[in-house]
Amino acid sequence: MGSPASLGYISGALKHAFDVCYYPCLDTTRGRPFGVYIHGNGGTEGAERGITAITTGLGWVKAAGTVVVMGKPSKADVEACWELGATVAAQLMG
């Protein structure tokens, strides 16, 4: 999943998605791998903390380190996001 760091927290859209799916997903998705990328111009720590708190409650397993992109995404940032997605996909396939 990805989110801009808006006012030091995750986007409203991602927060809404978690609000809507948290309890329906609580038992059925426990143990699933996930990956995260955050884009901002600074202050991404609050967004990462929020995602960590929510996914810990869900029992999800972080597949790889968080990709943090600051400012305009570089080719290396895009490649890091691709690697993150590939890692999560491979873990989901078993």
PDB file of N, CA and C in Angstrom:
ATOM      1  N   MET A   1       0.839  -1.155   0.000  1.00  0.00           N
ATOM      2  CA  MET A   1       0.000   0.000   0.000  1.00  0.00           C
ATOM      3  C   MET A   1       0.890   1.225   0.000  1.00  0.00           C
ATOM      4  N   GLY A   2       0.339   2.316  -0.450  1.00  0.00           N
ATOM      5  CA  GLY A   2       1.115   3.536  -0.513  1.00  0.00           C
ATOM      6  C   GLY A   2       0.295   4.723  -0.066  1.00  0.00           C
ATOM      7  N   SER A   3       0.999   5.743   0.365  1.00  0.00           N
ATOM      8  CA  SER A   3       0.301   6.933   0.823  1.00  0.00           C
ATOM      9  C   SER A   3       1.225   8.127   0.781  1.00  0.00           C
ATOM     10  N   PRO A   4       0.660   9.283   0.450  1.00  0.00           N
ATOM     11  CA  PRO A   4       1.435  10.491   0.689  1.00  0.00           C
ATOM     12  C   PRO A   4       1.403  10.770   2.189  1.00  0.00           C
ATOM     13  N   ALA A   5       2.410  11.417   2.682  1.00  0.00           N
ATOM     14  CA  ALA A   5       2.410  11.858   4.078  1.00  0.00           C
ATOM     15  C   ALA A   5       1.743  13.227   4.090  1.00  0.00           C
ATOM     16  N   SER A   6       0.492  13.265   4.529  1.00  0.00           N
ATOM     17  CA  SER A   6      -0.276  14.499   4.545  1.00  0.00           C
ATOM     18  C   SER A   6      -0.415  14.991   5.978  1.00  0.00           C
ATOM     19  N   LEU A   7       0.168  16.139   6.252  1.00  0.00           N
ATOM     20  CA  LEU A   7       0.139  16.713   7.597  1.00  0.00           C
ATOM     21  C   LEU A   7       0.690  15.728   8.628  1.00  0.00           C
ATOM     22  N   GLY A   8       1.705  14.977   8.222  1.00  0.00           N
ATOM     23  CA  GLY A   8       2.362  14.041   9.130  1.00  0.00           C
ATOM     24  C   GLY A   8       1.627  12.743   9.366  1.00  0.00           C
ATOM     25  N   TYR A   9       0.636  12.436   8.532  1.00  0.00           N
ATOM     26  CA  TYR A   9      -0.119  11.200   8.715  1.00  0.00           C
ATOM     27  C   TYR A   9      -0.445  10.617   7.345  1.00  0.00           C
ATOM     28  N   ILE A  10      -1.061   9.436   7.330  1.00  0.00           N
ATOM     29  CA  ILE A  10      -1.443   8.802   6.070  1.00  0.00           C
ATOM     30  C   ILE A  10      -2.561   9.607   5.412  1.00  0.00           C
ATOM     31  N   SER A  11      -2.757   9.371   4.138  1.00  0.00           N
ATOM     32  CA  SER A  11      -3.805  10.079   3.398  1.00  0.00           C
ATOM     33  C   SER A  11      -5.181   9.707   3.942  1.00  0.00           C
ATOM     34  N   GLY A  12      -6.129  10.594   3.734  1.00  0.00           N
ATOM     35  CA  GLY A  12      -7.506  10.319   4.142  1.00  0.00           C
ATOM     36  C   GLY A  12      -8.073   9.097   3.452  1.00  0.00           C
ATOM     37  N   ALA A  13      -7.682   8.890   2.193  1.00  0.00           N
ATOM     38  CA  ALA A  13      -8.183   7.735   1.442  1.00  0.00           C
ATOM     39  C   ALA A  13      -7.714   6.419   2.063  1.00  0.00           C
ATOM     40  N   LEU A  14      -6.432   6.339   2.423  1.00  0.00           N
ATOM     41  CA  LEU A  14      -5.929   5.102   3.032  1.00  0.00           C
ATOM     42  C   LEU A  14      -6.537   4.919   4.416  1.00  0.00           C
ATOM     43  N   LYS A  15      -6.667   5.980   5.179  1.00  0.00           N
ATOM     44  CA  LYS A  15      -7.289   5.893   6.506  1.00  0.00           C
ATOM     45  C   LYS A  15      -8.725   5.414   6.375  1.00  0.00           C
ATOM     46  N   HIS A  16      -9.455   5.937   5.396  1.00  0.00           N
ATOM     47  CA  HIS A  16     -10.841   5.510   5.173  1.00  0.00           C
ATOM     48  C   HIS A  16     -10.897   4.019   4.802  1.00  0.00           C
ATOM     49  N   ALA A  17      -9.982   3.587   3.944  1.00  0.00           N
ATOM     50  CA  ALA A  17      -9.941   2.164   3.569  1.00  0.00           C
ATOM     51  C   ALA A  17      -9.735   1.288   4.800  1.00  0.00           C
ATOM     52  N   PHE A  18      -8.827   1.687   5.666  1.00  0.00           N
ATOM     53  CA  PHE A  18      -8.621   0.924   6.903  1.00  0.00           C
ATOM     54  C   PHE A  18      -9.861   0.985   7.792  1.00  0.00           C
ATOM     55  N   ASP A  19     -10.485   2.152   7.902  1.00  0.00           N
ATOM     56  CA  ASP A  19     -11.692   2.284   8.731  1.00  0.00           C
ATOM     57  C   ASP A  19     -12.798   1.345   8.258  1.00  0.00           C
ATOM     58  N   VAL A  20     -12.952   1.221   6.949  1.00  0.00           N
ATOM     59  CA  VAL A  20     -14.028   0.413   6.383  1.00  0.00           C
ATOM     60  C   VAL A  20     -13.720  -1.088   6.465  1.00  0.00           C
ATOM     61  N   CYS A  21     -12.463  -1.459   6.266  1.00  0.00           N
ATOM     62  CA  CYS A  21     -12.154  -2.894   6.173  1.00  0.00           C
ATOM     63  C   CYS A  21     -11.577  -3.497   7.444  1.00  0.00           C
ATOM     64  N   TYR A  22     -11.237  -2.692   8.441  1.00  0.00           N
ATOM     65  CA  TYR A  22     -10.519  -3.211   9.611  1.00  0.00           C
ATOM     66  C   TYR A  22     -11.222  -4.422  10.232  1.00  0.00           C
ATOM     67  N   TYR A  23     -12.429  -4.271  10.699  1.00  0.00           N
ATOM     68  CA  TYR A  23     -13.090  -5.384  11.384  1.00  0.00           C
ATOM     69  C   TYR A  23     -13.473  -6.524  10.452  1.00  0.00           C
ATOM     70  N   PRO A  24     -13.965  -6.259   9.240  1.00  0.00           N
ATOM     71  CA  PRO A  24     -14.236  -7.377   8.331  1.00  0.00           C
ATOM     72  C   PRO A  24     -12.974  -8.180   7.962  1.00  0.00           C
ATOM     73  N   CYS A  25     -11.808  -7.520   7.943  1.00  0.00           N
ATOM     74  CA  CYS A  25     -10.548  -8.184   7.567  1.00  0.00           C
ATOM     75  C   CYS A  25      -9.794  -8.775   8.754  1.00  0.00           C
ATOM     76  N   LEU A  26     -10.205  -8.412   9.938  1.00  0.00           N
ATOM     77  CA  LEU A  26      -9.423  -8.727  11.135  1.00  0.00           C
ATOM     78  C   LEU A  26      -9.046 -10.206  11.246  1.00  0.00           C
ATOM     79  N   ASP A  27      -9.978 -11.095  11.090  1.00  0.00           N
ATOM     80  CA  ASP A  27      -9.679 -12.525  11.245  1.00  0.00           C
ATOM     81  C   ASP A  27      -9.275 -13.188   9.933  1.00  0.00           C
ATOM     82  N   THR A  28      -9.746 -12.675   8.808  1.00  0.00           N
ATOM     83  CA  THR A  28      -9.508 -13.351   7.534  1.00  0.00           C
ATOM     84  C   THR A  28      -8.175 -13.026   6.885  1.00  0.00           C
ATOM     85  N   THR A  29      -7.512 -11.959   7.319  1.00  0.00           N
ATOM     86  CA  THR A  29      -6.241 -11.580   6.671  1.00  0.00           C
ATOM     87  C   THR A  29      -5.043 -11.658   7.611  1.00  0.00           C
ATOM     88  N   ARG A  30      -5.254 -12.137   8.820  1.00  0.00           N
ATOM     89  CA  ARG A  30      -4.155 -12.234   9.789  1.00  0.00           C
ATOM     90  C   ARG A  30      -3.000 -13.045   9.208  1.00  0.00           C
ATOM     91  N   GLY A  31      -1.771 -12.559   9.370  1.00  0.00           N
ATOM     92  CA  GLY A  31      -0.587 -13.257   8.889  1.00  0.00           C
ATOM     93  C   GLY A  31      -0.206 -12.947   7.455  1.00  0.00           C
ATOM     94  N   ARG A  32      -0.999 -12.157   6.760  1.00  0.00           N
ATOM     95  CA  ARG A  32      -0.687 -11.829   5.360  1.00  0.00           C
ATOM     96  C   ARG A  32       0.458 -10.828   5.276  1.00  0.00           C
ATOM     97  N   PRO A  33       1.293 -10.984   4.253  1.00  0.00           N
ATOM     98  CA  PRO A  33       2.383 -10.022   4.055  1.00  0.00           C
ATOM     99  C   PRO A  33       1.860  -8.731   3.426  1.00  0.00           C
ATOM    100  N   PHE A  34       2.568  -7.653   3.702  1.00  0.00           N
ATOM    101  CA  PHE A  34       2.227  -6.372   3.095  1.00  0.00           C
ATOM    102  C   PHE A  34       3.496  -5.555   2.910  1.00  0.00           C
ATOM    103  N   GLY A  35       3.393  -4.579   2.060  1.00  0.00           N
ATOM    104  CA  GLY A  35       4.487  -3.650   1.837  1.00  0.00           C
ATOM    105  C   GLY A  35       3.954  -2.232   1.856  1.00  0.00           C
ATOM    106  N   VAL A  36       4.839  -1.283   2.116  1.00  0.00           N
ATOM    107  CA  VAL A  36       4.410   0.108   2.238  1.00  0.00           C
ATOM    108  C   VAL A  36       5.410   1.049   1.595  1.00  0.00           C
ATOM    109  N   TYR A  37       4.881   2.027   0.873  1.00  0.00           N
ATOM    110  CA  TYR A  37       5.707   3.142   0.432  1.00  0.00           C
ATOM    111  C   TYR A  37       5.010   4.431   0.826  1.00  0.00           C
ATOM    112  N   ILE A  38       5.800   5.392   1.227  1.00  0.00           N
ATOM    113  CA  ILE A  38       5.280   6.688   1.660  1.00  0.00           C
ATOM    114  C   ILE A  38       6.014   7.775   0.886  1.00  0.00           C
ATOM    115  N   HIS A  39       5.255   8.730   0.393  1.00  0.00           N
ATOM    116  CA  HIS A  39       5.837   9.842  -0.356  1.00  0.00           C
ATOM    117  C   HIS A  39       5.551  11.139   0.386  1.00  0.00           C
ATOM    118  N   GLY A  40       6.573  11.948   0.542  1.00  0.00           N
ATOM    119  CA  GLY A  40       6.374  13.239   1.189  1.00  0.00           C
ATOM    120  C   GLY A  40       7.536  14.168   0.930  1.00  0.00           C
ATOM    121  N   ASN A  41       7.396  15.331   1.464  1.00  0.00           N
ATOM    122  CA  ASN A  41       8.474  16.311   1.392  1.00  0.00           C
ATOM    123  C   ASN A  41       9.160  16.449   2.740  1.00  0.00           C
ATOM    124  N   GLY A  42       8.776  15.639   3.673  1.00  0.00           N
ATOM    125  CA  GLY A  42       9.326  15.646   5.020  1.00  0.00           C
ATOM    126  C   GLY A  42       8.246  15.199   5.986  1.00  0.00           C
ATOM    127  N   GLY A  43       8.639  14.771   7.158  1.00  0.00           N
ATOM    128  CA  GLY A  43       7.670  14.383   8.168  1.00  0.00           C
ATOM    129  C   GLY A  43       6.865  13.144   7.838  1.00  0.00           C
ATOM    130  N   THR A  44       7.519  12.130   7.314  1.00  0.00           N
ATOM    131  CA  THR A  44       6.817  10.890   6.969  1.00  0.00           C
ATOM    132  C   THR A  44       6.712   9.923   8.157  1.00  0.00           C
ATOM    133  N   GLU A  45       7.378  10.243   9.252  1.00  0.00           N
ATOM    134  CA  GLU A  45       7.419   9.328  10.399  1.00  0.00           C
ATOM    135  C   GLU A  45       6.032   9.055  10.978  1.00  0.00           C
ATOM    136  N   GLY A  46       5.183  10.073  11.051  1.00  0.00           N
ATOM    137  CA  GLY A  46       3.831   9.886  11.585  1.00  0.00           C
ATOM    138  C   GLY A  46       2.999   8.956  10.721  1.00  0.00           C
ATOM    139  N   ALA A  47       3.149   9.073   9.409  1.00  0.00           N
ATOM    140  CA  ALA A  47       2.432   8.185   8.496  1.00  0.00           C
ATOM    141  C   ALA A  47       2.895   6.745   8.693  1.00  0.00           C
ATOM    142  N   GLU A  48       4.191   6.566   8.813  1.00  0.00           N
ATOM    143  CA  GLU A  48       4.718   5.209   9.016  1.00  0.00           C
ATOM    144  C   GLU A  48       4.249   4.645  10.356  1.00  0.00           C
ATOM    145  N   ARG A  49       4.251   5.455  11.395  1.00  0.00           N
ATOM    146  CA  ARG A  49       3.770   5.010  12.711  1.00  0.00           C
ATOM    147  C   ARG A  49       2.298   4.592  12.642  1.00  0.00           C
ATOM    148  N   GLY A  50       1.491   5.381  11.934  1.00  0.00           N
ATOM    149  CA  GLY A  50       0.074   5.066  11.802  1.00  0.00           C
ATOM    150  C   GLY A  50      -0.157   3.745  11.098  1.00  0.00           C
ATOM    151  N   ILE A  51       0.541   3.535   9.997  1.00  0.00           N
ATOM    152  CA  ILE A  51       0.406   2.278   9.246  1.00  0.00           C
ATOM    153  C   ILE A  51       0.877   1.106  10.100  1.00  0.00           C
ATOM    154  N   THR A  52       1.975   1.285  10.819  1.00  0.00           N
ATOM    155  CA  THR A  52       2.487   0.218  11.690  1.00  0.00           C
ATOM    156  C   THR A  52       1.477  -0.141  12.767  1.00  0.00           C
ATOM    157  N   ALA A  53       0.866   0.851  13.380  1.00  0.00           N
ATOM    158  CA  ALA A  53      -0.122   0.587  14.434  1.00  0.00           C
ATOM    159  C   ALA A  53      -1.329  -0.184  13.885  1.00  0.00           C
ATOM    160  N   ILE A  54      -1.832   0.235  12.749  1.00  0.00           N
ATOM    161  CA  ILE A  54      -3.016  -0.401  12.162  1.00  0.00           C
ATOM    162  C   ILE A  54      -2.701  -1.827  11.708  1.00  0.00           C
ATOM    163  N   THR A  55      -1.589  -2.010  11.007  1.00  0.00           N
ATOM    164  CA  THR A  55      -1.260  -3.344  10.499  1.00  0.00           C
ATOM    165  C   THR A  55      -0.859  -4.306  11.620  1.00  0.00           C
ATOM    166  N   THR A  56      -0.302  -3.780  12.698  1.00  0.00           N
ATOM    167  CA  THR A  56      -0.003  -4.626  13.860  1.00  0.00           C
ATOM    168  C   THR A  56      -1.307  -5.153  14.450  1.00  0.00           C
ATOM    169  N   GLY A  57      -2.293  -4.275  14.561  1.00  0.00           N
ATOM    170  CA  GLY A  57      -3.602  -4.691  15.057  1.00  0.00           C
ATOM    171  C   GLY A  57      -4.251  -5.734  14.171  1.00  0.00           C
ATOM    172  N   LEU A  58      -4.048  -5.617  12.867  1.00  0.00           N
ATOM    173  CA  LEU A  58      -4.598  -6.586  11.922  1.00  0.00           C
ATOM    174  C   LEU A  58      -3.823  -7.901  11.915  1.00  0.00           C
ATOM    175  N   GLY A  59      -2.607  -7.885  12.454  1.00  0.00           N
ATOM    176  CA  GLY A  59      -1.782  -9.090  12.455  1.00  0.00           C
ATOM    177  C   GLY A  59      -1.087  -9.341  11.145  1.00  0.00           C
ATOM    178  N   TRP A  60      -0.924  -8.289  10.336  1.00  0.00           N
ATOM    179  CA  TRP A  60      -0.226  -8.424   9.062  1.00  0.00           C
ATOM    180  C   TRP A  60       1.276  -8.467   9.293  1.00  0.00           C
ATOM    181  N   VAL A  61       2.003  -9.070   8.361  1.00  0.00           N
ATOM    182  CA  VAL A  61       3.449  -9.238   8.471  1.00  0.00           C
ATOM    183  C   VAL A  61       4.131  -8.380   7.411  1.00  0.00           C
ATOM    184  N   LYS A  62       5.016  -7.521   7.839  1.00  0.00           N
ATOM    185  CA  LYS A  62       5.725  -6.636   6.914  1.00  0.00           C
ATOM    186  C   LYS A  62       6.707  -7.454   6.079  1.00  0.00           C
ATOM    187  N   ALA A  63       6.529  -7.396   4.757  1.00  0.00           N
ATOM    188  CA  ALA A  63       7.327  -8.207   3.840  1.00  0.00           C
ATOM    189  C   ALA A  63       8.717  -7.639   3.600  1.00  0.00           C
ATOM    190  N   ALA A  64       8.857  -6.331   3.748  1.00  0.00           N
ATOM    191  CA  ALA A  64      10.132  -5.655   3.493  1.00  0.00           C
ATOM    192  C   ALA A  64      10.086  -4.295   4.180  1.00  0.00           C
ATOM    193  N   GLY A  65      11.217  -3.635   4.218  1.00  0.00           N
ATOM    194  CA  GLY A  65      11.272  -2.309   4.815  1.00  0.00           C
ATOM    195  C   GLY A  65      10.428  -1.304   4.056  1.00  0.00           C
ATOM    196  N   THR A  66       9.994  -0.277   4.742  1.00  0.00           N
ATOM    197  CA  THR A  66       9.205   0.787   4.125  1.00  0.00           C
ATOM    198  C   THR A  66      10.053   1.566   3.136  1.00  0.00           C
ATOM    199  N   VAL A  67       9.488   1.827   1.976  1.00  0.00           N
ATOM    200  CA  VAL A  67      10.144   2.676   0.988  1.00  0.00           C
ATOM    201  C   VAL A  67       9.641   4.099   1.222  1.00  0.00           C
ATOM    202  N   VAL A  68      10.543   4.997   1.550  1.00  0.00           N
ATOM    203  CA  VAL A  68      10.190   6.397   1.777  1.00  0.00           C
ATOM    204  C   VAL A  68      10.771   7.216   0.634  1.00  0.00           C
ATOM    205  N   VAL A  69       9.901   7.935  -0.052  1.00  0.00           N
ATOM    206  CA  VAL A  69      10.306   8.766  -1.177  1.00  0.00           C
ATOM    207  C   VAL A  69      10.113  10.219  -0.777  1.00  0.00           C
ATOM    208  N   MET A  70      11.183  10.987  -0.857  1.00  0.00           N
ATOM    209  CA  MET A  70      11.129  12.413  -0.519  1.00  0.00           C
ATOM    210  C   MET A  70      11.236  13.238  -1.796  1.00  0.00           C
ATOM    211  N   GLY A  71      10.302  14.151  -1.972  1.00  0.00           N
ATOM    212  CA  GLY A  71      10.342  15.013  -3.141  1.00  0.00           C
ATOM    213  C   GLY A  71      10.000  14.259  -4.413  1.00  0.00           C
ATOM    214  N   LYS A  72      10.517  14.748  -5.519  1.00  0.00           N
ATOM    215  CA  LYS A  72      10.250  14.128  -6.815  1.00  0.00           C
ATOM    216  C   LYS A  72      10.865  12.729  -6.855  1.00  0.00           C
ATOM    217  N   PRO A  73      10.066  11.703  -7.209  1.00  0.00           N
ATOM    218  CA  PRO A  73      10.597  10.333  -7.248  1.00  0.00           C
ATOM    219  C   PRO A  73      11.709  10.187  -8.290  1.00  0.00           C
ATOM    220  N   SER A  74      12.771   9.528  -7.876  1.00  0.00           N
ATOM    221  CA  SER A  74      13.895   9.252  -8.776  1.00  0.00           C
ATOM    222  C   SER A  74      13.706   7.858  -9.387  1.00  0.00           C
ATOM    223  N   LYS A  75      14.579   7.536 -10.325  1.00  0.00           N
ATOM    224  CA  LYS A  75      14.552   6.195 -10.917  1.00  0.00           C
ATOM    225  C   LYS A  75      14.796   5.148  -9.825  1.00  0.00           C
ATOM    226  N   ALA A  76      15.687   5.429  -8.889  1.00  0.00           N
ATOM    227  CA  ALA A  76      15.965   4.503  -7.787  1.00  0.00           C
ATOM    228  C   ALA A  76      14.730   4.317  -6.901  1.00  0.00           C
ATOM    229  N   ASP A  77      13.957   5.384  -6.692  1.00  0.00           N
ATOM    230  CA  ASP A  77      12.729   5.286  -5.896  1.00  0.00           C
ATOM    231  C   ASP A  77      11.714   4.383  -6.588  1.00  0.00           C
ATOM    232  N   VAL A  78      11.555   4.568  -7.889  1.00  0.00           N
ATOM    233  CA  VAL A  78      10.619   3.738  -8.660  1.00  0.00           C
ATOM    234  C   VAL A  78      11.056   2.279  -8.618  1.00  0.00           C
ATOM    235  N   GLU A  79      12.339   2.027  -8.754  1.00  0.00           N
ATOM    236  CA  GLU A  79      12.860   0.657  -8.691  1.00  0.00           C
ATOM    237  C   GLU A  79      12.645   0.054  -7.306  1.00  0.00           C
ATOM    238  N   ALA A  80      12.819   0.848  -6.254  1.00  0.00           N
ATOM    239  CA  ALA A  80      12.602   0.361  -4.894  1.00  0.00           C
ATOM    240  C   ALA A  80      11.134  -0.030  -4.694  1.00  0.00           C
ATOM    241  N   CYS A  81      10.217   0.758  -5.251  1.00  0.00           N
ATOM    242  CA  CYS A  81       8.797   0.429  -5.162  1.00  0.00           C
ATOM    243  C   CYS A  81       8.487  -0.842  -5.957  1.00  0.00           C
ATOM    244  N   TRP A  82       9.109  -0.995  -7.114  1.00  0.00           N
ATOM    245  CA  TRP A  82       8.920  -2.210  -7.918  1.00  0.00           C
ATOM    246  C   TRP A  82       9.396  -3.426  -7.134  1.00  0.00           C
ATOM    247  N   GLU A  83      10.557  -3.322  -6.525  1.00  0.00           N
ATOM    248  CA  GLU A  83      11.105  -4.426  -5.719  1.00  0.00           C
ATOM    249  C   GLU A  83      10.181  -4.749  -4.542  1.00  0.00           C
ATOM    250  N   LEU A  84       9.651  -3.723  -3.922  1.00  0.00           N
ATOM    251  CA  LEU A  84       8.722  -3.922  -2.813  1.00  0.00           C
ATOM    252  C   LEU A  84       7.496  -4.702  -3.281  1.00  0.00           C
ATOM    253  N   GLY A  85       6.917  -4.294  -4.394  1.00  0.00           N
ATOM    254  CA  GLY A  85       5.751  -4.995  -4.934  1.00  0.00           C
ATOM    255  C   GLY A  85       6.068  -6.433  -5.310  1.00  0.00           C
ATOM    256  N   ALA A  86       7.236  -6.654  -5.906  1.00  0.00           N
ATOM    257  CA  ALA A  86       7.635  -8.002  -6.281  1.00  0.00           C
ATOM    258  C   ALA A  86       7.839  -8.872  -5.055  1.00  0.00           C
ATOM    259  N   THR A  87       8.392  -8.320  -4.001  1.00  0.00           N
ATOM    260  CA  THR A  87       8.613  -9.070  -2.759  1.00  0.00           C
ATOM    261  C   THR A  87       7.289  -9.489  -2.133  1.00  0.00           C
ATOM    262  N   VAL A  88       6.353  -8.548  -2.073  1.00  0.00           N
ATOM    263  CA  VAL A  88       5.031  -8.868  -1.501  1.00  0.00           C
ATOM    264  C   VAL A  88       4.334  -9.930  -2.361  1.00  0.00           C
ATOM    265  N   ALA A  89       4.371  -9.763  -3.674  1.00  0.00           N
ATOM    266  CA  ALA A  89       3.727 -10.741  -4.566  1.00  0.00           C
ATOM    267  C   ALA A  89       4.315 -12.127  -4.387  1.00  0.00           C
ATOM    268  N   ALA A  90       5.647 -12.197  -4.303  1.00  0.00           N
ATOM    269  CA  ALA A  90       6.293 -13.506  -4.122  1.00  0.00           C
ATOM    270  C   ALA A  90       5.887 -14.149  -2.816  1.00  0.00           C
ATOM    271  N   GLN A  91       5.790 -13.355  -1.755  1.00  0.00           N
ATOM    272  CA  GLN A  91       5.387 -13.914  -0.455  1.00  0.00           C
ATOM    273  C   GLN A  91       3.916 -14.336  -0.457  1.00  0.00           C
ATOM    274  N   LEU A  92       3.070 -13.613  -1.166  1.00  0.00           N
ATOM    275  CA  LEU A  92       1.665 -14.008  -1.256  1.00  0.00           C
ATOM    276  C   LEU A  92       1.484 -15.314  -2.021  1.00  0.00           C
ATOM    277  N   MET A  93       2.370 -15.549  -2.999  1.00  0.00           N
ATOM    278  CA  MET A  93       2.293 -16.777  -3.801  1.00  0.00           C
ATOM    279  C   MET A  93       2.820 -17.983  -3.043  1.00  0.00           C
ATOM    280  N   GLY A  94       3.525 -17.721  -1.935  1.00  0.00           N
ATOM    281  CA  GLY A  94       4.007 -18.820  -1.115  1.00  0.00           C
ATOM    282  C   GLY A  94       5.328 -19.257  -1.551  1.00  0.00           C
TER     283      GLY A  94
END
